[in-house]
Amino acid sequence: MISWRKHYRQTLIAIGLLLSTSASIYGQDGDPKNGEKLFKANCTACHALDKQLVGPALKGVVARLETEQGLGKDWLHKWIKNNKELRASGDKYANEVFEKFNKTEMQLFPNLTDKDIDDILAYTTNPPAPEEKKTDTAPASDTNQAAPASSTTTNVVIISLLAIAGLLVWILVKLRQLVKLGQSEDLAGLNETRVKSFSEIYEKYHYIGKGLIAILALLAAYGVWNWIMWIGVYKGYKPEQPIYFSHKIHAGEQKIDCQLCHSSAKYGKVSEIPSMNVCMNCHRTISEYNAEHYMEPGKDKAFYDGEIQKIYAATGWDPAKQQYTGKTQPVEWTRIHNMPDFVYFNHAQHVVAGEQAIINSFNKKNPNNKIDVVCKACHGKIDTMNVVQMANDFTMGWCIECHRTTEVDMNNGYNKEYFKNLHDKLKKQYPKDGGKITVDAIGGLECGKCHY
């Protein structure tokens, strides 16, 4: 007799095993979409799917490792979590990889779970296709339909203007004919006796003439003086550079601090033009522009990629081999801000000692155009400029006006103690101002401060 209870139990066990096996397989396969997020957060500084950066290309790394080395996912889990420990254990392939990539230590990722690593490996095996951006074709069709109408309107306007011009010419001809007919003999005689010599007119009205000449001389002198005073003032100057560098992308979109590149502005007299090695700190791994980020009108991804290649050419970097060739090309940058030799200006004094005072003063004078970084007080909102330009006059008068209106930061402990006596004195002399100390009161207008 057939025992249905026994077969029923065996069927349930088989179904349970099947489900658990399926769950296990799914768990091992991982989630490519989650893996993409983890890959971008942890791996893109050194790896790409389709090309070598600091480390190897990772697309199909699971299959490649199994085919070439006979190693499975377990080895990858150990390598990703703690490659240093794996190398120390004497693992042959781990040490070969370390030697091959110039003994560059890979970051340890003990924080990643086994599921996280499976998700990342699933992404490298089968990366999800990028989502297509929806494009609205309606405006284009409307534009195409509107084009003939616009062309017709333009033709009508041109024809109308030509007709009006022709009518005006005809009227002028007729008026000339009427004037000739209307002139009498007496009027003709009077025209002949009219004084026509400039010297005779000047003799008759010499006082008025001298007055006009004096006025013209004064205007000419003012014009020459104004022209002389603006020699060397290049506000709005924005030359083309040998490598296109958008501060809007770097400082605006990517929020890179000014002093990451212009590091000497905080500690030295001059804010230097950064060397190309500073650029390579990031662009050693960023070899292509991400088209999903900001795109300047008139520019495309190919343009930005080409500018990155100029950086590689200048530094002698071979992105395919991930090493320097030794063949460099100097970049001839065009300088924008350049103080005359007889002017002393110290960036550190303004960026460090005067930082808060300058920001407060600028925001007080410009409540609708406030700044958050001291650099912007002089150089303008650099983080919005694709092409850097000179934002201010940088004349002596411009500097003096700033020194006269910028209040010393008395919340600073050093200033509060150092200028204590001066502060008390000014409070008594100018009670309405509350003893306000501006930069000119502490020597900001002394000639020797800026000229030597």
Protein backbone atom coordinates (compact mmCIF):
# COMPACT_ATOMS: atom_id res chain seq x y z
CA MET A 1 0.00 0.00 0.00
CA ILE A 2 1.34 3.42 -1.02
CA SER A 3 2.11 5.74 1.88
CA TRP A 4 0.86 9.16 0.71
CA ARG A 5 2.03 10.73 3.95
CA LYS A 6 5.61 9.61 3.24
CA HIS A 7 5.53 10.94 -0.36
CA TYR A 8 3.94 14.18 0.80
CA ARG A 9 6.75 14.69 3.31
CA GLN A 10 9.42 13.98 0.65
CA THR A 11 7.77 16.43 -1.75
CA LEU A 12 7.78 19.20 0.87
CA ILE A 13 11.46 18.53 1.61
CA ALA A 14 12.32 18.71 -2.12
CA ILE A 15 10.42 21.97 -2.59
CA GLY A 16 12.13 23.42 0.49
CA LEU A 17 15.56 22.44 -0.83
CA LEU A 18 14.75 23.92 -4.23
CA LEU A 19 13.63 27.22 -2.72
CA SER A 20 16.65 27.43 -0.43
CA THR A 21 18.99 26.66 -3.34
CA SER A 22 17.31 29.34 -5.46
CA ALA A 23 17.63 31.85 -2.64
CA SER A 24 21.27 30.93 -2.21
CA ILE A 25 21.98 31.34 -5.93
CA TYR A 26 20.20 34.69 -6.01
CA GLY A 27 22.14 35.81 -2.95
CA GLN A 28 25.43 34.84 -4.62
CA ASP A 29 24.54 36.56 -7.88
CA GLY A 30 23.91 39.87 -6.10
CA ASP A 31 22.03 42.99 -7.10
CA PRO A 32 23.74 44.90 -9.94
CA LYS A 33 21.83 48.14 -9.24
CA ASN A 34 22.91 48.26 -5.61
CA GLY A 35 26.36 47.16 -6.74
CA GLU A 36 26.55 50.17 -9.05
CA LYS A 37 25.94 52.54 -6.12
CA LEU A 38 28.55 50.75 -3.99
CA PHE A 39 31.04 50.70 -6.87
CA LYS A 40 30.70 54.45 -7.45
CA ALA A 41 31.02 55.18 -3.74
CA ASN A 42 34.04 52.95 -3.03
CA CYS A 43 35.84 51.91 -6.21
CA THR A 44 35.80 54.64 -8.87
CA ALA A 45 38.78 56.50 -7.38
CA CYS A 46 41.04 53.69 -8.64
CA HIS A 47 38.97 51.50 -10.98
CA ALA A 48 36.78 51.69 -14.06
CA LEU A 49 34.84 48.94 -15.79
CA ASP A 50 36.34 49.32 -19.25
CA LYS A 51 39.89 50.62 -18.74
CA GLN A 52 42.85 50.53 -16.40
CA LEU A 53 43.28 53.40 -13.97
CA VAL A 54 45.32 52.98 -10.79
CA GLY A 55 44.05 49.40 -10.72
CA PRO A 56 42.87 47.05 -13.49
CA ALA A 57 39.61 47.25 -15.45
CA LEU A 58 36.98 45.31 -13.52
CA LYS A 59 34.38 44.39 -16.13
CA GLY A 60 34.02 40.58 -16.14
CA VAL A 61 36.62 40.21 -13.37
CA VAL A 62 34.83 37.17 -11.85
CA ALA A 63 34.88 35.14 -15.08
CA ARG A 64 38.39 36.36 -15.96
CA LEU A 65 39.79 35.35 -12.58
CA GLU A 66 38.20 31.90 -12.76
CA THR A 67 39.38 31.29 -16.34
CA GLU A 68 42.94 32.59 -15.97
CA GLN A 69 43.75 31.69 -12.36
CA GLY A 70 41.14 29.14 -11.33
CA LEU A 71 40.07 31.32 -8.43
CA GLY A 72 36.51 31.96 -7.36
CA LYS A 73 34.53 34.62 -5.55
CA ASP A 74 35.91 33.59 -2.17
CA TRP A 75 39.34 34.87 -3.23
CA LEU A 76 37.82 38.18 -4.35
CA HIS A 77 36.02 38.54 -1.01
CA LYS A 78 39.33 38.10 0.85
CA TRP A 79 41.15 40.49 -1.50
CA ILE A 80 38.55 43.24 -1.25
CA LYS A 81 38.13 43.07 2.53
CA ASN A 82 41.83 42.86 3.45
CA ASN A 83 44.27 42.47 0.55
CA LYS A 84 47.19 43.18 2.87
CA GLU A 85 46.38 40.19 5.04
CA LEU A 86 45.94 38.03 1.92
CA ARG A 87 49.39 39.04 0.63
CA ALA A 88 50.96 38.45 4.03
CA SER A 89 49.56 34.91 4.01
CA GLY A 90 51.81 34.17 1.00
CA ASP A 91 49.04 34.04 -1.61
CA LYS A 92 50.94 33.87 -4.92
CA TYR A 93 48.44 35.68 -7.16
CA ALA A 94 47.77 38.42 -4.57
CA ASN A 95 51.49 39.26 -4.52
CA GLU A 96 51.69 39.11 -8.32
CA VAL A 97 48.90 41.71 -8.61
CA PHE A 98 50.63 43.90 -6.02
CA GLU A 99 53.92 43.81 -7.96
CA LYS A 100 52.21 44.34 -11.34
CA PHE A 101 50.55 47.57 -10.25
CA ASN A 102 53.71 49.26 -8.91
CA LYS A 103 53.20 48.03 -5.35
CA THR A 104 50.26 50.40 -4.91
CA GLU A 105 48.42 49.48 -1.73
CA MET A 106 44.72 48.91 -2.29
CA GLN A 107 42.42 50.40 0.34
CA LEU A 108 40.99 47.91 2.85
CA PHE A 109 37.21 47.52 2.97
CA PRO A 110 36.37 45.62 6.19
CA ASN A 111 33.11 47.59 6.35
CA LEU A 112 31.71 45.87 3.24
CA THR A 113 29.53 42.84 3.94
CA ASP A 114 29.59 39.66 1.82
CA LYS A 115 26.33 40.77 0.23
CA ASP A 116 27.82 44.19 -0.60
CA ILE A 117 30.78 42.53 -2.33
CA ASP A 118 28.45 40.17 -4.20
CA ASP A 119 26.44 43.17 -5.39
CA ILE A 120 29.61 44.92 -6.62
CA LEU A 121 30.77 41.76 -8.43
CA ALA A 122 27.31 41.41 -9.97
CA TYR A 123 27.64 44.96 -11.28
CA THR A 124 31.06 44.21 -12.81
CA THR A 125 29.64 41.06 -14.43
CA ASN A 126 26.41 42.50 -15.75
CA PRO A 127 26.25 46.31 -15.39
CA PRO A 128 22.71 47.66 -15.86
CA ALA A 129 22.12 49.63 -19.03
CA PRO A 130 22.02 53.40 -18.47
CA GLU A 131 18.54 54.87 -18.39
CA GLU A 132 17.64 56.73 -21.55
CA LYS A 133 16.85 60.38 -21.01
CA LYS A 134 13.44 61.40 -22.25
CA THR A 135 13.68 64.03 -24.93
CA ASP A 136 10.78 66.27 -25.78
CA THR A 137 10.58 66.56 -29.55
CA ALA A 138 7.54 68.84 -29.55
CA PRO A 139 9.45 72.11 -29.21
CA ALA A 140 11.66 71.14 -32.14
CA SER A 141 8.67 70.54 -34.38
CA ASP A 142 7.12 73.81 -33.24
CA THR A 143 10.35 75.57 -34.11
CA ASN A 144 10.37 74.00 -37.55
CA GLN A 145 6.78 75.08 -38.14
CA ALA A 146 7.48 78.58 -36.89
CA ALA A 147 10.56 79.02 -39.10
CA PRO A 148 8.66 79.72 -42.39
CA ALA A 149 6.38 82.22 -40.64
CA SER A 150 9.39 84.03 -39.17
CA SER A 151 11.05 84.17 -42.61
CA THR A 152 7.87 85.60 -44.19
CA THR A 153 7.60 88.29 -41.50
CA THR A 154 11.23 89.33 -42.09
CA ASN A 155 10.62 89.71 -45.85
CA VAL A 156 7.53 91.87 -45.25
CA VAL A 157 9.48 94.16 -42.88
CA ILE A 158 12.34 94.60 -45.38
CA ILE A 159 9.95 95.43 -48.26
CA SER A 160 8.09 97.93 -46.04
CA LEU A 161 11.32 99.68 -45.04
CA LEU A 162 12.43 99.94 -48.69
CA ALA A 163 9.06 101.45 -49.66
CA ILE A 164 9.28 104.04 -46.86
CA ALA A 165 12.86 104.95 -47.88
CA GLY A 166 11.77 105.43 -51.49
CA LEU A 167 8.89 107.67 -50.40
CA LEU A 168 11.22 109.85 -48.29
CA VAL A 169 13.65 110.30 -51.20
CA TRP A 170 10.77 111.36 -53.49
CA ILE A 171 9.55 113.91 -50.89
CA LEU A 172 13.06 115.42 -50.49
CA VAL A 173 13.43 115.84 -54.27
CA LYS A 174 10.08 117.63 -54.50
CA LEU A 175 10.95 119.94 -51.56
CA ARG A 176 14.24 120.91 -53.21
CA GLN A 177 12.38 121.83 -56.39
CA LEU A 178 9.88 123.98 -54.43
CA VAL A 179 12.70 125.84 -52.59
CA LYS A 180 14.41 126.74 -55.85
CA LEU A 181 11.14 128.02 -57.33
CA GLY A 182 10.32 130.05 -54.22
CA GLN A 183 13.62 131.99 -54.03
CA SER A 184 13.16 135.65 -55.17
CA GLU A 185 15.80 137.86 -56.75
CA ASP A 186 16.13 139.93 -53.52
CA LEU A 187 16.82 136.76 -51.51
CA ALA A 188 19.45 135.66 -54.02
CA GLY A 189 21.25 139.03 -53.66
CA LEU A 190 21.18 138.78 -49.89
CA ASN A 191 22.83 135.35 -50.04
CA GLU A 192 25.69 136.79 -52.08
CA THR A 193 26.42 139.53 -49.51
CA ARG A 194 26.23 137.19 -46.50
CA VAL A 195 29.47 136.85 -44.55
CA LYS A 196 30.98 133.49 -45.35
CA SER A 197 34.51 133.80 -43.98
CA PHE A 198 35.23 132.02 -40.67
CA SER A 199 37.70 134.74 -39.66
CA GLU A 200 35.05 137.44 -40.10
CA ILE A 201 32.60 135.45 -38.00
CA TYR A 202 35.24 134.93 -35.28
CA GLU A 203 36.09 138.69 -35.29
CA LYS A 204 32.46 139.49 -34.78
CA TYR A 205 31.82 136.89 -32.06
CA HIS A 206 35.33 136.42 -30.60
CA TYR A 207 34.18 136.42 -26.95
CA ILE A 208 31.82 133.57 -27.61
CA GLY A 209 34.50 131.81 -29.66
CA LYS A 210 37.10 132.09 -26.90
CA GLY A 211 34.61 130.78 -24.39
CA LEU A 212 33.82 127.75 -26.56
CA ILE A 213 37.53 127.06 -27.14
CA ALA A 214 38.17 127.23 -23.36
CA ILE A 215 35.36 124.77 -22.71
CA LEU A 216 36.67 122.42 -25.41
CA ALA A 217 40.19 122.68 -23.92
CA LEU A 218 38.90 121.78 -20.47
CA LEU A 219 36.95 118.81 -21.85
CA ALA A 220 40.03 117.66 -23.78
CA ALA A 221 42.21 117.97 -20.64
CA TYR A 222 39.66 115.97 -18.62
CA GLY A 223 39.54 113.31 -21.33
CA VAL A 224 43.35 112.99 -21.37
CA TRP A 225 43.47 112.87 -17.55
CA ASN A 226 40.74 110.24 -17.41
CA TRP A 227 42.55 108.16 -20.04
CA ILE A 228 45.85 108.40 -18.13
CA MET A 229 44.18 107.34 -14.86
CA TRP A 230 42.81 104.18 -16.47
CA ILE A 231 46.13 103.03 -17.91
CA GLY A 232 46.81 99.60 -16.45
CA VAL A 233 43.21 99.04 -15.32
CA TYR A 234 41.89 95.90 -16.96
CA LYS A 235 38.56 95.22 -15.30
CA GLY A 236 36.71 92.58 -17.34
CA TYR A 237 39.94 91.22 -18.87
CA LYS A 238 39.47 87.49 -19.60
CA PRO A 239 42.08 86.05 -21.96
CA GLU A 240 41.91 82.62 -23.56
CA GLN A 241 44.10 80.05 -21.81
CA PRO A 242 46.07 77.18 -23.41
CA ILE A 243 43.99 74.68 -21.40
CA TYR A 244 40.31 75.50 -20.87
CA PHE A 245 39.63 75.50 -17.13
CA SER A 246 36.13 76.20 -15.86
CA HIS A 247 36.02 77.46 -12.27
CA LYS A 248 32.24 77.04 -12.42
CA ILE A 249 32.68 73.28 -12.82
CA HIS A 250 35.47 72.85 -10.26
CA ALA A 251 34.63 75.44 -7.56
CA GLY A 252 30.91 75.80 -8.31
CA GLU A 253 29.56 72.38 -9.26
CA GLN A 254 32.17 70.19 -7.51
CA LYS A 255 32.61 72.54 -4.50
CA ILE A 256 36.42 72.30 -4.55
CA ASP A 257 37.93 74.76 -2.07
CA CYS A 258 39.99 77.60 -3.63
CA GLN A 259 42.96 76.82 -1.41
CA LEU A 260 43.21 73.19 -2.52
CA CYS A 261 44.80 74.50 -5.72
CA HIS A 262 45.94 77.99 -4.63
CA SER A 263 47.49 76.75 -1.39
CA SER A 264 50.03 79.56 -0.95
CA ALA A 265 47.26 82.21 -0.74
CA LYS A 266 46.86 81.34 2.92
CA TYR A 267 50.53 81.21 3.85
CA GLY A 268 52.39 83.46 1.41
CA LYS A 269 52.48 86.79 -0.34
CA VAL A 270 51.47 85.43 -3.75
CA SER A 271 48.60 83.12 -4.67
CA GLU A 272 50.48 80.98 -7.14
CA ILE A 273 49.23 79.40 -10.36
CA PRO A 274 49.04 75.72 -9.36
CA SER A 275 51.43 73.30 -11.02
CA MET A 276 50.10 70.59 -13.32
CA ASN A 277 50.87 68.02 -10.62
CA VAL A 278 48.02 69.54 -8.61
CA CYS A 279 45.68 68.87 -11.54
CA MET A 280 46.95 65.28 -11.72
CA ASN A 281 45.95 64.63 -8.11
CA CYS A 282 42.41 64.26 -9.45
CA HIS A 283 42.82 63.77 -13.20
CA ARG A 284 45.11 60.80 -12.84
CA THR A 285 41.89 58.86 -12.36
CA ILE A 286 39.37 61.25 -13.96
CA SER A 287 40.22 60.84 -17.64
CA GLU A 288 36.76 61.64 -19.01
CA TYR A 289 34.17 64.29 -18.28
CA ASN A 290 30.87 63.07 -16.87
CA ALA A 291 28.28 64.37 -19.33
CA GLU A 292 25.57 64.17 -16.65
CA HIS A 293 27.20 67.11 -14.84
CA TYR A 294 27.01 70.75 -15.83
CA MET A 295 27.64 71.43 -19.51
CA GLU A 296 28.49 74.94 -20.64
CA PRO A 297 26.41 76.15 -23.62
CA GLY A 298 28.33 75.50 -26.83
CA LYS A 299 30.53 72.81 -25.26
CA ASP A 300 30.19 69.02 -25.30
CA LYS A 301 31.79 66.00 -23.65
CA ALA A 302 34.34 65.63 -26.44
CA PHE A 303 35.57 69.19 -25.83
CA TYR A 304 36.16 68.62 -22.10
CA ASP A 305 37.80 65.22 -22.74
CA GLY A 306 40.18 66.93 -25.17
CA GLU A 307 41.20 69.46 -22.50
CA ILE A 308 41.95 66.63 -20.05
CA GLN A 309 44.19 65.08 -22.71
CA LYS A 310 46.11 68.39 -22.83
CA ILE A 311 46.85 67.95 -19.12
CA TYR A 312 48.25 64.48 -19.85
CA ALA A 313 50.38 65.85 -22.68
CA ALA A 314 51.74 68.61 -20.42
CA THR A 315 52.65 66.23 -17.58
CA GLY A 316 53.80 63.35 -19.78
CA TRP A 317 51.16 60.98 -18.40
CA ASP A 318 50.27 57.81 -20.33
CA PRO A 319 46.70 56.91 -19.29
CA ALA A 320 46.90 53.48 -20.97
CA LYS A 321 50.01 52.39 -19.07
CA GLN A 322 49.19 54.49 -16.00
CA GLN A 323 52.70 55.89 -15.77
CA TYR A 324 54.70 59.02 -16.62
CA THR A 325 56.75 59.00 -19.81
CA GLY A 326 59.10 61.79 -18.79
CA LYS A 327 58.19 63.87 -21.85
CA THR A 328 56.59 67.06 -20.53
CA GLN A 329 55.34 70.22 -22.22
CA PRO A 330 55.29 73.55 -20.31
CA VAL A 331 51.89 75.27 -20.21
CA GLU A 332 52.12 78.97 -21.03
CA TRP A 333 49.28 80.36 -18.91
CA THR A 334 48.23 83.97 -19.51
CA ARG A 335 48.37 85.87 -16.24
CA ILE A 336 45.26 87.89 -15.35
CA HIS A 337 46.01 89.53 -11.98
CA ASN A 338 49.46 91.13 -11.81
CA MET A 339 50.35 93.85 -9.33
CA PRO A 340 52.97 96.45 -10.38
CA ASP A 341 56.46 96.01 -8.94
CA PHE A 342 56.12 99.11 -6.73
CA VAL A 343 53.05 97.71 -4.95
CA TYR A 344 53.28 95.33 -1.99
CA PHE A 345 50.31 93.05 -1.42
CA ASN A 346 50.27 90.06 0.91
CA HIS A 347 47.57 87.44 0.33
CA ALA A 348 48.09 85.76 3.70
CA GLN A 349 47.48 89.02 5.55
CA HIS A 350 44.06 89.36 3.91
CA VAL A 351 43.07 85.68 3.68
CA VAL A 352 43.96 84.84 7.30
CA ALA A 353 44.14 87.97 9.46
CA GLY A 354 41.49 89.93 7.59
CA GLU A 355 39.22 87.08 6.49
CA GLN A 356 36.21 87.65 8.72
CA ALA A 357 36.52 91.46 8.67
CA ILE A 358 36.56 91.54 4.84
CA ILE A 359 33.61 89.14 4.52
CA ASN A 360 31.53 91.10 7.06
CA SER A 361 32.35 94.45 5.42
CA PHE A 362 31.55 93.20 1.92
CA ASN A 363 28.23 91.65 2.96
CA LYS A 364 27.27 94.83 4.84
CA LYS A 365 27.89 96.94 1.72
CA ASN A 366 26.32 94.37 -0.63
CA PRO A 367 23.32 92.83 1.20
CA ASN A 368 21.92 91.43 -2.06
CA ASN A 369 25.21 89.95 -3.23
CA LYS A 370 26.74 88.33 -0.14
CA ILE A 371 29.87 86.17 -0.20
CA ASP A 372 30.93 83.15 1.85
CA VAL A 373 34.62 83.01 0.90
CA VAL A 374 37.05 85.90 1.39
CA CYS A 375 38.57 85.42 -2.10
CA LYS A 376 35.30 86.61 -3.71
CA ALA A 377 35.60 90.09 -2.18
CA CYS A 378 38.39 90.93 -4.63
CA HIS A 379 38.13 88.32 -7.38
CA GLY A 380 34.35 88.21 -7.72
CA LYS A 381 32.21 85.10 -7.68
CA ILE A 382 34.79 82.84 -9.28
CA ASP A 383 32.59 79.79 -8.72
CA THR A 384 30.16 81.11 -11.34
CA MET A 385 32.79 81.90 -14.00
CA ASN A 386 33.56 79.51 -16.85
CA VAL A 387 36.30 81.90 -17.99
CA VAL A 388 38.01 83.83 -15.18
CA GLN A 389 38.00 87.59 -15.60
CA MET A 390 39.28 90.53 -13.58
CA ALA A 391 36.25 91.44 -11.47
CA ASN A 392 37.43 94.76 -9.97
CA ASP A 393 39.52 97.83 -10.82
CA PHE A 394 42.38 97.06 -8.40
CA THR A 395 43.31 100.76 -8.41
CA MET A 396 44.83 102.59 -5.45
CA GLY A 397 41.53 104.37 -4.83
CA TRP A 398 39.70 101.04 -4.77
CA CYS A 399 42.08 99.66 -2.12
CA ILE A 400 41.93 102.83 0.02
CA GLU A 401 38.14 102.84 -0.05
CA CYS A 402 38.16 99.26 1.23
CA HIS A 403 40.59 100.18 4.07
CA ARG A 404 38.42 103.13 5.06
CA THR A 405 35.20 101.12 5.28
CA THR A 406 36.36 97.70 6.54
CA GLU A 407 35.98 97.36 10.31
CA VAL A 408 38.61 95.44 12.26
CA ASP A 409 37.18 92.21 13.68
CA MET A 410 37.07 93.00 17.39
CA ASN A 411 35.57 89.59 18.20
CA ASN A 412 39.01 88.20 17.44
CA GLY A 413 40.78 87.69 20.79
CA TYR A 414 44.12 88.96 19.51
CA ASN A 415 42.65 92.15 18.02
CA LYS A 416 40.53 92.76 21.11
CA GLU A 417 43.58 92.71 23.38
CA TYR A 418 46.07 94.37 21.00
CA PHE A 419 43.83 97.33 20.10
CA LYS A 420 42.23 97.70 23.54
CA ASN A 421 43.68 101.18 24.28
CA LEU A 422 42.92 102.46 20.78
CA HIS A 423 39.37 101.11 21.05
CA ASP A 424 38.77 102.89 24.35
CA LYS A 425 40.17 106.14 22.93
CA LEU A 426 37.94 105.99 19.84
CA LYS A 427 34.88 105.27 21.99
CA LYS A 428 35.42 108.58 23.76
CA GLN A 429 36.16 110.54 20.57
CA TYR A 430 33.35 109.04 18.49
CA PRO A 431 30.63 107.88 20.90
CA LYS A 432 28.05 107.64 18.09
CA ASP A 433 30.14 105.05 16.25
CA GLY A 434 30.82 103.09 19.43
CA GLY A 435 34.58 103.33 18.92
CA LYS A 436 34.47 101.61 15.53
CA ILE A 437 37.98 100.71 14.34
CA THR A 438 38.51 100.58 10.58
CA VAL A 439 41.67 99.41 8.82
CA ASP A 440 42.79 102.98 8.09
CA ALA A 441 42.86 103.66 11.86
CA ILE A 442 45.53 100.99 12.39
CA GLY A 443 47.84 102.18 9.61
CA GLY A 444 45.90 101.08 6.56
CA LEU A 445 46.60 104.38 4.77
CA GLU A 446 50.31 104.62 5.51
CA CYS A 447 52.30 104.86 2.27
CA GLY A 448 54.95 102.41 3.46
CA LYS A 449 52.35 99.65 3.98
CA CYS A 450 51.94 99.17 0.26
CA HIS A 451 54.85 101.05 -1.37
CA TYR A 452 58.54 100.53 -0.79
